[in-house]
mmCIF file of all heavy atoms, coordinates in Angstrom:
data_MODEL
# 
_entry.id   MODEL 
# 
loop_
_atom_site.group_PDB 
_atom_site.id 
_atom_site.type_symbol 
_atom_site.label_atom_id 
_atom_site.label_alt_id 
_atom_site.label_comp_id 
_atom_site.label_asym_id 
_atom_site.label_entity_id 
_atom_site.label_seq_id 
_atom_site.pdbx_PDB_ins_code 
_atom_site.Cartn_x 
_atom_site.Cartn_y 
_atom_site.Cartn_z 
_atom_site.occupancy 
_atom_site.B_iso_or_equiv 
_atom_site.pdbx_formal_charge 
_atom_site.auth_seq_id 
_atom_site.auth_comp_id 
_atom_site.auth_asym_id 
_atom_site.auth_atom_id 
_atom_site.pdbx_PDB_model_num 
ATOM 1   N N   . LEU A 1 1  ? 0.104   -5.872  -7.191  1.00 0.00 ? 1  LEU A N   1 
ATOM 2   C CA  . LEU A 1 1  ? 0.698   -4.543  -7.249  1.00 0.00 ? 1  LEU A CA  1 
ATOM 3   C C   . LEU A 1 1  ? 1.149   -4.158  -5.845  1.00 0.00 ? 1  LEU A C   1 
ATOM 4   O O   . LEU A 1 1  ? 0.405   -4.311  -4.877  1.00 0.00 ? 1  LEU A O   1 
ATOM 5   C CB  . LEU A 1 1  ? -0.322  -3.520  -7.754  1.00 0.00 ? 1  LEU A CB  1 
ATOM 6   C CG  . LEU A 1 1  ? 0.174   -2.074  -7.781  1.00 0.00 ? 1  LEU A CG  1 
ATOM 7   C CD1 . LEU A 1 1  ? 1.108   -1.849  -8.956  1.00 0.00 ? 1  LEU A CD1 1 
ATOM 8   C CD2 . LEU A 1 1  ? -0.992  -1.097  -7.815  1.00 0.00 ? 1  LEU A CD2 1 
ATOM 9   N N   . PHE A 1 2  ? 2.371   -3.641  -5.749  1.00 0.00 ? 2  PHE A N   1 
ATOM 10  C CA  . PHE A 1 2  ? 2.903   -3.129  -4.492  1.00 0.00 ? 2  PHE A CA  1 
ATOM 11  C C   . PHE A 1 2  ? 3.242   -1.650  -4.673  1.00 0.00 ? 2  PHE A C   1 
ATOM 12  O O   . PHE A 1 2  ? 3.615   -1.213  -5.763  1.00 0.00 ? 2  PHE A O   1 
ATOM 13  C CB  . PHE A 1 2  ? 4.172   -3.887  -4.090  1.00 0.00 ? 2  PHE A CB  1 
ATOM 14  C CG  . PHE A 1 2  ? 3.978   -5.360  -3.905  1.00 0.00 ? 2  PHE A CG  1 
ATOM 15  C CD1 . PHE A 1 2  ? 4.184   -6.246  -4.962  1.00 0.00 ? 2  PHE A CD1 1 
ATOM 16  C CD2 . PHE A 1 2  ? 3.577   -5.881  -2.686  1.00 0.00 ? 2  PHE A CD2 1 
ATOM 17  C CE1 . PHE A 1 2  ? 3.999   -7.619  -4.807  1.00 0.00 ? 2  PHE A CE1 1 
ATOM 18  C CE2 . PHE A 1 2  ? 3.385   -7.247  -2.511  1.00 0.00 ? 2  PHE A CE2 1 
ATOM 19  C CZ  . PHE A 1 2  ? 3.596   -8.116  -3.575  1.00 0.00 ? 2  PHE A CZ  1 
ATOM 20  N N   . PHE A 1 3  ? 3.114   -0.878  -3.611  1.00 0.00 ? 3  PHE A N   1 
ATOM 21  C CA  . PHE A 1 3  ? 3.542   0.517   -3.652  1.00 0.00 ? 3  PHE A CA  1 
ATOM 22  C C   . PHE A 1 3  ? 3.822   0.984   -2.229  1.00 0.00 ? 3  PHE A C   1 
ATOM 23  O O   . PHE A 1 3  ? 3.313   0.424   -1.254  1.00 0.00 ? 3  PHE A O   1 
ATOM 24  C CB  . PHE A 1 3  ? 2.509   1.418   -4.334  1.00 0.00 ? 3  PHE A CB  1 
ATOM 25  C CG  . PHE A 1 3  ? 1.121   1.348   -3.759  1.00 0.00 ? 3  PHE A CG  1 
ATOM 26  C CD1 . PHE A 1 3  ? 0.684   2.270   -2.816  1.00 0.00 ? 3  PHE A CD1 1 
ATOM 27  C CD2 . PHE A 1 3  ? 0.220   0.363   -4.174  1.00 0.00 ? 3  PHE A CD2 1 
ATOM 28  C CE1 . PHE A 1 3  ? -0.609  2.213   -2.294  1.00 0.00 ? 3  PHE A CE1 1 
ATOM 29  C CE2 . PHE A 1 3  ? -1.070  0.298   -3.665  1.00 0.00 ? 3  PHE A CE2 1 
ATOM 30  C CZ  . PHE A 1 3  ? -1.490  1.227   -2.717  1.00 0.00 ? 3  PHE A CZ  1 
ATOM 31  N N   . SER A 1 4  ? 4.649   2.018   -2.106  1.00 0.00 ? 4  SER A N   1 
ATOM 32  C CA  . SER A 1 4  ? 5.027   2.557   -0.794  1.00 0.00 ? 4  SER A CA  1 
ATOM 33  C C   . SER A 1 4  ? 4.201   3.781   -0.454  1.00 0.00 ? 4  SER A C   1 
ATOM 34  O O   . SER A 1 4  ? 3.798   4.539   -1.345  1.00 0.00 ? 4  SER A O   1 
ATOM 35  C CB  . SER A 1 4  ? 6.504   2.965   -0.784  1.00 0.00 ? 4  SER A CB  1 
ATOM 36  O OG  . SER A 1 4  ? 7.360   1.862   -0.896  1.00 0.00 ? 4  SER A OG  1 
ATOM 37  N N   . ASP A 1 5  ? 3.976   3.990   0.837   1.00 0.00 ? 5  ASP A N   1 
ATOM 38  C CA  . ASP A 1 5  ? 3.574   5.307   1.331   1.00 0.00 ? 5  ASP A CA  1 
ATOM 39  C C   . ASP A 1 5  ? 4.802   5.845   2.052   1.00 0.00 ? 5  ASP A C   1 
ATOM 40  O O   . ASP A 1 5  ? 5.130   5.420   3.153   1.00 0.00 ? 5  ASP A O   1 
ATOM 41  C CB  . ASP A 1 5  ? 2.389   5.206   2.285   1.00 0.00 ? 5  ASP A CB  1 
ATOM 42  C CG  . ASP A 1 5  ? 1.831   6.575   2.657   1.00 0.00 ? 5  ASP A CG  1 
ATOM 43  O OD1 . ASP A 1 5  ? 2.602   7.564   2.582   1.00 0.00 ? 5  ASP A OD1 1 
ATOM 44  O OD2 . ASP A 1 5  ? 0.661   6.671   3.037   1.00 0.00 ? 5  ASP A OD2 1 
ATOM 45  N N   . ASN A 1 6  ? 5.490   6.761   1.388   1.00 0.00 ? 6  ASN A N   1 
ATOM 46  C CA  . ASN A 1 6  ? 6.787   7.199   1.913   1.00 0.00 ? 6  ASN A CA  1 
ATOM 47  C C   . ASN A 1 6  ? 6.688   8.349   2.898   1.00 0.00 ? 6  ASN A C   1 
ATOM 48  O O   . ASN A 1 6  ? 7.713   8.891   3.328   1.00 0.00 ? 6  ASN A O   1 
ATOM 49  C CB  . ASN A 1 6  ? 7.746   7.558   0.769   1.00 0.00 ? 6  ASN A CB  1 
ATOM 50  C CG  . ASN A 1 6  ? 7.341   8.805   0.017   1.00 0.00 ? 6  ASN A CG  1 
ATOM 51  O OD1 . ASN A 1 6  ? 6.511   9.589   0.464   1.00 0.00 ? 6  ASN A OD1 1 
ATOM 52  N ND2 . ASN A 1 6  ? 7.931   9.002   -1.160  1.00 0.00 ? 6  ASN A ND2 1 
ATOM 53  N N   . ALA A 1 7  ? 5.466   8.734   3.273   1.00 0.00 ? 7  ALA A N   1 
ATOM 54  C CA  . ALA A 1 7  ? 5.303   9.825   4.231   1.00 0.00 ? 7  ALA A CA  1 
ATOM 55  C C   . ALA A 1 7  ? 4.341   9.448   5.358   1.00 0.00 ? 7  ALA A C   1 
ATOM 56  O O   . ALA A 1 7  ? 3.899   10.305  6.110   1.00 0.00 ? 7  ALA A O   1 
ATOM 57  C CB  . ALA A 1 7  ? 4.814   11.084  3.532   1.00 0.00 ? 7  ALA A CB  1 
ATOM 58  N N   . SER A 1 8  ? 4.012   8.163   5.458   1.00 0.00 ? 8  SER A N   1 
ATOM 59  C CA  . SER A 1 8  ? 3.094   7.739   6.517   1.00 0.00 ? 8  SER A CA  1 
ATOM 60  C C   . SER A 1 8  ? 3.797   7.789   7.870   1.00 0.00 ? 8  SER A C   1 
ATOM 61  O O   . SER A 1 8  ? 5.022   7.754   7.956   1.00 0.00 ? 8  SER A O   1 
ATOM 62  C CB  . SER A 1 8  ? 2.560   6.338   6.244   1.00 0.00 ? 8  SER A CB  1 
ATOM 63  O OG  . SER A 1 8  ? 3.628   5.416   6.083   1.00 0.00 ? 8  SER A OG  1 
ATOM 64  N N   . SER A 1 9  ? 3.013   7.886   8.916   1.00 0.00 ? 9  SER A N   1 
ATOM 65  C CA  . SER A 1 9  ? 3.553   8.002   10.271  1.00 0.00 ? 9  SER A CA  1 
ATOM 66  C C   . SER A 1 9  ? 3.050   6.835   11.119  1.00 0.00 ? 9  SER A C   1 
ATOM 67  O O   . SER A 1 9  ? 1.885   6.438   11.000  1.00 0.00 ? 9  SER A O   1 
ATOM 68  C CB  . SER A 1 9  ? 3.108   9.332   10.894  1.00 0.00 ? 9  SER A CB  1 
ATOM 69  O OG  . SER A 1 9  ? 3.596   9.474   12.207  1.00 0.00 ? 9  SER A OG  1 
ATOM 70  N N   . PRO A 1 10 ? 3.902   6.220   11.941  1.00 0.00 ? 10 PRO A N   1 
ATOM 71  C CA  . PRO A 1 10 ? 5.245   6.666   12.331  1.00 0.00 ? 10 PRO A CA  1 
ATOM 72  C C   . PRO A 1 10 ? 6.357   6.169   11.413  1.00 0.00 ? 10 PRO A C   1 
ATOM 73  O O   . PRO A 1 10 ? 7.513   6.518   11.585  1.00 0.00 ? 10 PRO A O   1 
ATOM 74  C CB  . PRO A 1 10 ? 5.409   6.066   13.729  1.00 0.00 ? 10 PRO A CB  1 
ATOM 75  C CG  . PRO A 1 10 ? 4.643   4.779   13.643  1.00 0.00 ? 10 PRO A CG  1 
ATOM 76  C CD  . PRO A 1 10 ? 3.451   5.081   12.775  1.00 0.00 ? 10 PRO A CD  1 
ATOM 77  N N   . SER A 1 11 ? 6.037   5.319   10.434  1.00 0.00 ? 11 SER A N   1 
ATOM 78  C CA  . SER A 1 11 ? 7.058   4.817   9.526   1.00 0.00 ? 11 SER A CA  1 
ATOM 79  C C   . SER A 1 11 ? 6.475   4.602   8.148   1.00 0.00 ? 11 SER A C   1 
ATOM 80  O O   . SER A 1 11 ? 5.271   4.358   7.992   1.00 0.00 ? 11 SER A O   1 
ATOM 81  C CB  . SER A 1 11 ? 7.633   3.492   10.049  1.00 0.00 ? 11 SER A CB  1 
ATOM 82  O OG  . SER A 1 11 ? 8.580   2.956   9.140   1.00 0.00 ? 11 SER A OG  1 
ATOM 83  N N   . GLU A 1 12 ? 7.325   4.678   7.150   1.00 0.00 ? 12 GLU A N   1 
ATOM 84  C CA  . GLU A 1 12 ? 6.919   4.349   5.793   1.00 0.00 ? 12 GLU A CA  1 
ATOM 85  C C   . GLU A 1 12 ? 6.435   2.891   5.745   1.00 0.00 ? 12 GLU A C   1 
ATOM 86  O O   . GLU A 1 12 ? 6.864   2.057   6.532   1.00 0.00 ? 12 GLU A O   1 
ATOM 87  C CB  . GLU A 1 12 ? 8.097   4.523   4.830   1.00 0.00 ? 12 GLU A CB  1 
ATOM 88  C CG  . GLU A 1 12 ? 8.643   5.936   4.792   1.00 0.00 ? 12 GLU A CG  1 
ATOM 89  C CD  . GLU A 1 12 ? 9.676   6.214   5.877   1.00 0.00 ? 12 GLU A CD  1 
ATOM 90  O OE1 . GLU A 1 12 ? 9.782   5.425   6.852   1.00 0.00 ? 12 GLU A OE1 1 
ATOM 91  O OE2 . GLU A 1 12 ? 10.383  7.225   5.768   1.00 0.00 ? 12 GLU A OE2 1 
ATOM 92  N N   . ARG A 1 13 ? 5.552   2.591   4.798   1.00 0.00 ? 13 ARG A N   1 
ATOM 93  C CA  . ARG A 1 13 ? 5.026   1.236   4.713   1.00 0.00 ? 13 ARG A CA  1 
ATOM 94  C C   . ARG A 1 13 ? 4.766   0.847   3.271   1.00 0.00 ? 13 ARG A C   1 
ATOM 95  O O   . ARG A 1 13 ? 4.676   1.707   2.387   1.00 0.00 ? 13 ARG A O   1 
ATOM 96  C CB  . ARG A 1 13 ? 3.748   1.113   5.540   1.00 0.00 ? 13 ARG A CB  1 
ATOM 97  C CG  . ARG A 1 13 ? 2.713   2.196   5.279   1.00 0.00 ? 13 ARG A CG  1 
ATOM 98  C CD  . ARG A 1 13 ? 1.605   2.166   6.323   1.00 0.00 ? 13 ARG A CD  1 
ATOM 99  N NE  . ARG A 1 13 ? 0.666   3.265   6.137   1.00 0.00 ? 13 ARG A NE  1 
ATOM 100 C CZ  . ARG A 1 13 ? -0.479  3.384   6.803   1.00 0.00 ? 13 ARG A CZ  1 
ATOM 101 N NH1 . ARG A 1 13 ? -0.823  2.467   7.690   1.00 0.00 ? 13 ARG A NH1 1 
ATOM 102 N NH2 . ARG A 1 13 ? -1.281  4.391   6.585   1.00 0.00 ? 13 ARG A NH2 1 
ATOM 103 N N   . ILE A 1 14 ? 4.642   -0.457  3.040   1.00 0.00 ? 14 ILE A N   1 
ATOM 104 C CA  . ILE A 1 14 ? 4.330   -0.985  1.722   1.00 0.00 ? 14 ILE A CA  1 
ATOM 105 C C   . ILE A 1 14 ? 2.896   -1.490  1.725   1.00 0.00 ? 14 ILE A C   1 
ATOM 106 O O   . ILE A 1 14 ? 2.478   -2.220  2.627   1.00 0.00 ? 14 ILE A O   1 
ATOM 107 C CB  . ILE A 1 14 ? 5.281   -2.134  1.326   1.00 0.00 ? 14 ILE A CB  1 
ATOM 108 C CG1 . ILE A 1 14 ? 6.727   -1.630  1.235   1.00 0.00 ? 14 ILE A CG1 1 
ATOM 109 C CG2 . ILE A 1 14 ? 4.857   -2.744  -0.018  1.00 0.00 ? 14 ILE A CG2 1 
ATOM 110 C CD1 . ILE A 1 14 ? 7.747   -2.722  0.962   1.00 0.00 ? 14 ILE A CD1 1 
ATOM 111 N N   . TRP A 1 15 ? 2.135   -1.069  0.700   1.00 0.00 ? 15 TRP A N   1 
ATOM 112 C CA  . TRP A 1 15 ? 0.772   -1.538  0.486   1.00 0.00 ? 15 TRP A CA  1 
ATOM 113 C C   . TRP A 1 15 ? 0.772   -2.548  -0.658  1.00 0.00 ? 15 TRP A C   1 
ATOM 114 O O   . TRP A 1 15 ? 1.711   -2.596  -1.472  1.00 0.00 ? 15 TRP A O   1 
ATOM 115 C CB  . TRP A 1 15 ? -0.131  -0.374  0.105   1.00 0.00 ? 15 TRP A CB  1 
ATOM 116 C CG  . TRP A 1 15 ? -0.438  0.594   1.206   1.00 0.00 ? 15 TRP A CG  1 
ATOM 117 C CD1 . TRP A 1 15 ? 0.395   1.551   1.714   1.00 0.00 ? 15 TRP A CD1 1 
ATOM 118 C CD2 . TRP A 1 15 ? -1.673  0.711   1.918   1.00 0.00 ? 15 TRP A CD2 1 
ATOM 119 N NE1 . TRP A 1 15 ? -0.239  2.261   2.706   1.00 0.00 ? 15 TRP A NE1 1 
ATOM 120 C CE2 . TRP A 1 15 ? -1.515  1.760   2.848   1.00 0.00 ? 15 TRP A CE2 1 
ATOM 121 C CE3 . TRP A 1 15 ? -2.883  0.036   1.857   1.00 0.00 ? 15 TRP A CE3 1 
ATOM 122 C CZ2 . TRP A 1 15 ? -2.537  2.155   3.709   1.00 0.00 ? 15 TRP A CZ2 1 
ATOM 123 C CZ3 . TRP A 1 15 ? -3.910  0.417   2.709   1.00 0.00 ? 15 TRP A CZ3 1 
ATOM 124 C CH2 . TRP A 1 15 ? -3.728  1.469   3.633   1.00 0.00 ? 15 TRP A CH2 1 
ATOM 125 N N   . LYS A 1 16 ? -0.307  -3.324  -0.748  1.00 0.00 ? 16 LYS A N   1 
ATOM 126 C CA  . LYS A 1 16 ? -0.479  -4.215  -1.888  1.00 0.00 ? 16 LYS A CA  1 
ATOM 127 C C   . LYS A 1 16 ? -1.922  -4.161  -2.380  1.00 0.00 ? 16 LYS A C   1 
ATOM 128 O O   . LYS A 1 16 ? -2.848  -3.841  -1.625  1.00 0.00 ? 16 LYS A O   1 
ATOM 129 C CB  . LYS A 1 16 ? -0.093  -5.652  -1.541  1.00 0.00 ? 16 LYS A CB  1 
ATOM 130 C CG  . LYS A 1 16 ? -1.065  -6.372  -0.627  1.00 0.00 ? 16 LYS A CG  1 
ATOM 131 C CD  . LYS A 1 16 ? -0.647  -7.837  -0.466  1.00 0.00 ? 16 LYS A CD  1 
ATOM 132 C CE  . LYS A 1 16 ? -1.666  -8.619  0.366   1.00 0.00 ? 16 LYS A CE  1 
ATOM 133 N NZ  . LYS A 1 16 ? -1.286  -10.042 0.478   1.00 0.00 ? 16 LYS A NZ  1 
ATOM 134 N N   . LEU A 1 17 ? -2.089  -4.461  -3.661  1.00 0.00 ? 17 LEU A N   1 
ATOM 135 C CA  . LEU A 1 17 ? -3.413  -4.547  -4.278  1.00 0.00 ? 17 LEU A CA  1 
ATOM 136 C C   . LEU A 1 17 ? -3.418  -5.780  -5.164  1.00 0.00 ? 17 LEU A C   1 
ATOM 137 O O   . LEU A 1 17 ? -2.543  -5.934  -6.024  1.00 0.00 ? 17 LEU A O   1 
ATOM 138 C CB  . LEU A 1 17 ? -3.702  -3.299  -5.111  1.00 0.00 ? 17 LEU A CB  1 
ATOM 139 C CG  . LEU A 1 17 ? -5.045  -3.290  -5.839  1.00 0.00 ? 17 LEU A CG  1 
ATOM 140 C CD1 . LEU A 1 17 ? -6.186  -3.100  -4.849  1.00 0.00 ? 17 LEU A CD1 1 
ATOM 141 C CD2 . LEU A 1 17 ? -5.078  -2.186  -6.900  1.00 0.00 ? 17 LEU A CD2 1 
ATOM 142 N N   . VAL A 1 18 ? -4.397  -6.654  -4.958  1.00 0.00 ? 18 VAL A N   1 
ATOM 143 C CA  . VAL A 1 18 ? -4.502  -7.877  -5.744  1.00 0.00 ? 18 VAL A CA  1 
ATOM 144 C C   . VAL A 1 18 ? -5.760  -7.788  -6.609  1.00 0.00 ? 18 VAL A C   1 
ATOM 145 O O   . VAL A 1 18 ? -6.869  -8.000  -6.120  1.00 0.00 ? 18 VAL A O   1 
ATOM 146 C CB  . VAL A 1 18 ? -4.577  -9.120  -4.835  1.00 0.00 ? 18 VAL A CB  1 
ATOM 147 C CG1 . VAL A 1 18 ? -4.564  -10.394 -5.691  1.00 0.00 ? 18 VAL A CG1 1 
ATOM 148 C CG2 . VAL A 1 18 ? -3.411  -9.145  -3.846  1.00 0.00 ? 18 VAL A CG2 1 
ATOM 149 N N   . PRO A 1 19 ? -5.620  -7.422  -7.896  1.00 0.00 ? 19 PRO A N   1 
ATOM 150 C CA  . PRO A 1 19 ? -6.796  -7.340  -8.761  1.00 0.00 ? 19 PRO A CA  1 
ATOM 151 C C   . PRO A 1 19 ? -7.497  -8.695  -8.858  1.00 0.00 ? 19 PRO A C   1 
ATOM 152 O O   . PRO A 1 19 ? -6.853  -9.744  -8.729  1.00 0.00 ? 19 PRO A O   1 
ATOM 153 C CB  . PRO A 1 19 ? -6.195  -6.934  -10.110 1.00 0.00 ? 19 PRO A CB  1 
ATOM 154 C CG  . PRO A 1 19 ? -4.876  -6.312  -9.760  1.00 0.00 ? 19 PRO A CG  1 
ATOM 155 C CD  . PRO A 1 19 ? -4.382  -7.075  -8.576  1.00 0.00 ? 19 PRO A CD  1 
ATOM 156 N N   . PRO A 1 20 ? -8.829  -8.731  -9.043  1.00 0.00 ? 20 PRO A N   1 
ATOM 157 C CA  . PRO A 1 20 ? -9.687  -7.595  -9.410  1.00 0.00 ? 20 PRO A CA  1 
ATOM 158 C C   . PRO A 1 20 ? -10.144 -6.738  -8.234  1.00 0.00 ? 20 PRO A C   1 
ATOM 159 O O   . PRO A 1 20 ? -10.925 -5.814  -8.437  1.00 0.00 ? 20 PRO A O   1 
ATOM 160 C CB  . PRO A 1 20 ? -10.876 -8.270  -10.079 1.00 0.00 ? 20 PRO A CB  1 
ATOM 161 C CG  . PRO A 1 20 ? -10.984 -9.578  -9.367  1.00 0.00 ? 20 PRO A CG  1 
ATOM 162 C CD  . PRO A 1 20 ? -9.570  -10.019 -9.117  1.00 0.00 ? 20 PRO A CD  1 
ATOM 163 N N   . SER A 1 21 ? -9.670  -7.038  -7.036  1.00 0.00 ? 21 SER A N   1 
ATOM 164 C CA  . SER A 1 21 ? -10.035 -6.199  -5.892  1.00 0.00 ? 21 SER A CA  1 
ATOM 165 C C   . SER A 1 21 ? -9.565  -4.768  -6.127  1.00 0.00 ? 21 SER A C   1 
ATOM 166 O O   . SER A 1 21 ? -8.510  -4.529  -6.719  1.00 0.00 ? 21 SER A O   1 
ATOM 167 C CB  . SER A 1 21 ? -9.392  -6.739  -4.614  1.00 0.00 ? 21 SER A CB  1 
ATOM 168 O OG  . SER A 1 21 ? -9.569  -5.834  -3.537  1.00 0.00 ? 21 SER A OG  1 
ATOM 169 N N   . THR A 1 22 ? -10.336 -3.818  -5.664  1.00 0.00 ? 22 THR A N   1 
ATOM 170 C CA  . THR A 1 22 ? -9.956  -2.411  -5.728  1.00 0.00 ? 22 THR A CA  1 
ATOM 171 C C   . THR A 1 22 ? -9.719  -1.849  -4.326  1.00 0.00 ? 22 THR A C   1 
ATOM 172 O O   . THR A 1 22 ? -9.722  -0.639  -4.134  1.00 0.00 ? 22 THR A O   1 
ATOM 173 C CB  . THR A 1 22 ? -11.034 -1.578  -6.440  1.00 0.00 ? 22 THR A CB  1 
ATOM 174 O OG1 . THR A 1 22 ? -12.287 -1.757  -5.762  1.00 0.00 ? 22 THR A OG1 1 
ATOM 175 C CG2 . THR A 1 22 ? -11.174 -1.993  -7.890  1.00 0.00 ? 22 THR A CG2 1 
ATOM 176 N N   . THR A 1 23 ? -9.508  -2.740  -3.369  1.00 0.00 ? 23 THR A N   1 
ATOM 177 C CA  . THR A 1 23 ? -9.246  -2.323  -1.994  1.00 0.00 ? 23 THR A CA  1 
ATOM 178 C C   . THR A 1 23 ? -7.825  -2.709  -1.603  1.00 0.00 ? 23 THR A C   1 
ATOM 179 O O   . THR A 1 23 ? -7.531  -3.897  -1.406  1.00 0.00 ? 23 THR A O   1 
ATOM 180 C CB  . THR A 1 23 ? -10.236 -2.977  -1.015  1.00 0.00 ? 23 THR A CB  1 
ATOM 181 O OG1 . THR A 1 23 ? -11.568 -2.656  -1.401  1.00 0.00 ? 23 THR A OG1 1 
ATOM 182 C CG2 . THR A 1 23 ? -9.989  -2.479  0.409   1.00 0.00 ? 23 THR A CG2 1 
ATOM 183 N N   . PRO A 1 24 ? -6.905  -1.750  -1.499  1.00 0.00 ? 24 PRO A N   1 
ATOM 184 C CA  . PRO A 1 24 ? -5.540  -2.069  -1.105  1.00 0.00 ? 24 PRO A CA  1 
ATOM 185 C C   . PRO A 1 24 ? -5.456  -2.405  0.378   1.00 0.00 ? 24 PRO A C   1 
ATOM 186 O O   . PRO A 1 24 ? -6.331  -2.035  1.169   1.00 0.00 ? 24 PRO A O   1 
ATOM 187 C CB  . PRO A 1 24 ? -4.766  -0.785  -1.431  1.00 0.00 ? 24 PRO A CB  1 
ATOM 188 C CG  . PRO A 1 24 ? -5.792  0.294   -1.410  1.00 0.00 ? 24 PRO A CG  1 
ATOM 189 C CD  . PRO A 1 24 ? -7.094  -0.324  -1.793  1.00 0.00 ? 24 PRO A CD  1 
ATOM 190 N N   . SER A 1 25 ? -4.400  -3.103  0.751   1.00 0.00 ? 25 SER A N   1 
ATOM 191 C CA  . SER A 1 25 ? -4.179  -3.442  2.153   1.00 0.00 ? 25 SER A CA  1 
ATOM 192 C C   . SER A 1 25 ? -2.707  -3.249  2.501   1.00 0.00 ? 25 SER A C   1 
ATOM 193 O O   . SER A 1 25 ? -1.835  -3.288  1.625   1.00 0.00 ? 25 SER A O   1 
ATOM 194 C CB  . SER A 1 25 ? -4.592  -4.892  2.436   1.00 0.00 ? 25 SER A CB  1 
ATOM 195 O OG  . SER A 1 25 ? -3.850  -5.792  1.637   1.00 0.00 ? 25 SER A OG  1 
# 
């Protein structure tokens, strides 16, 4: 799973989550 944080500072970024882990990176 990928998703954006479109309001993070200093720039927007993409996170990922690889199940069964519940800790995104």
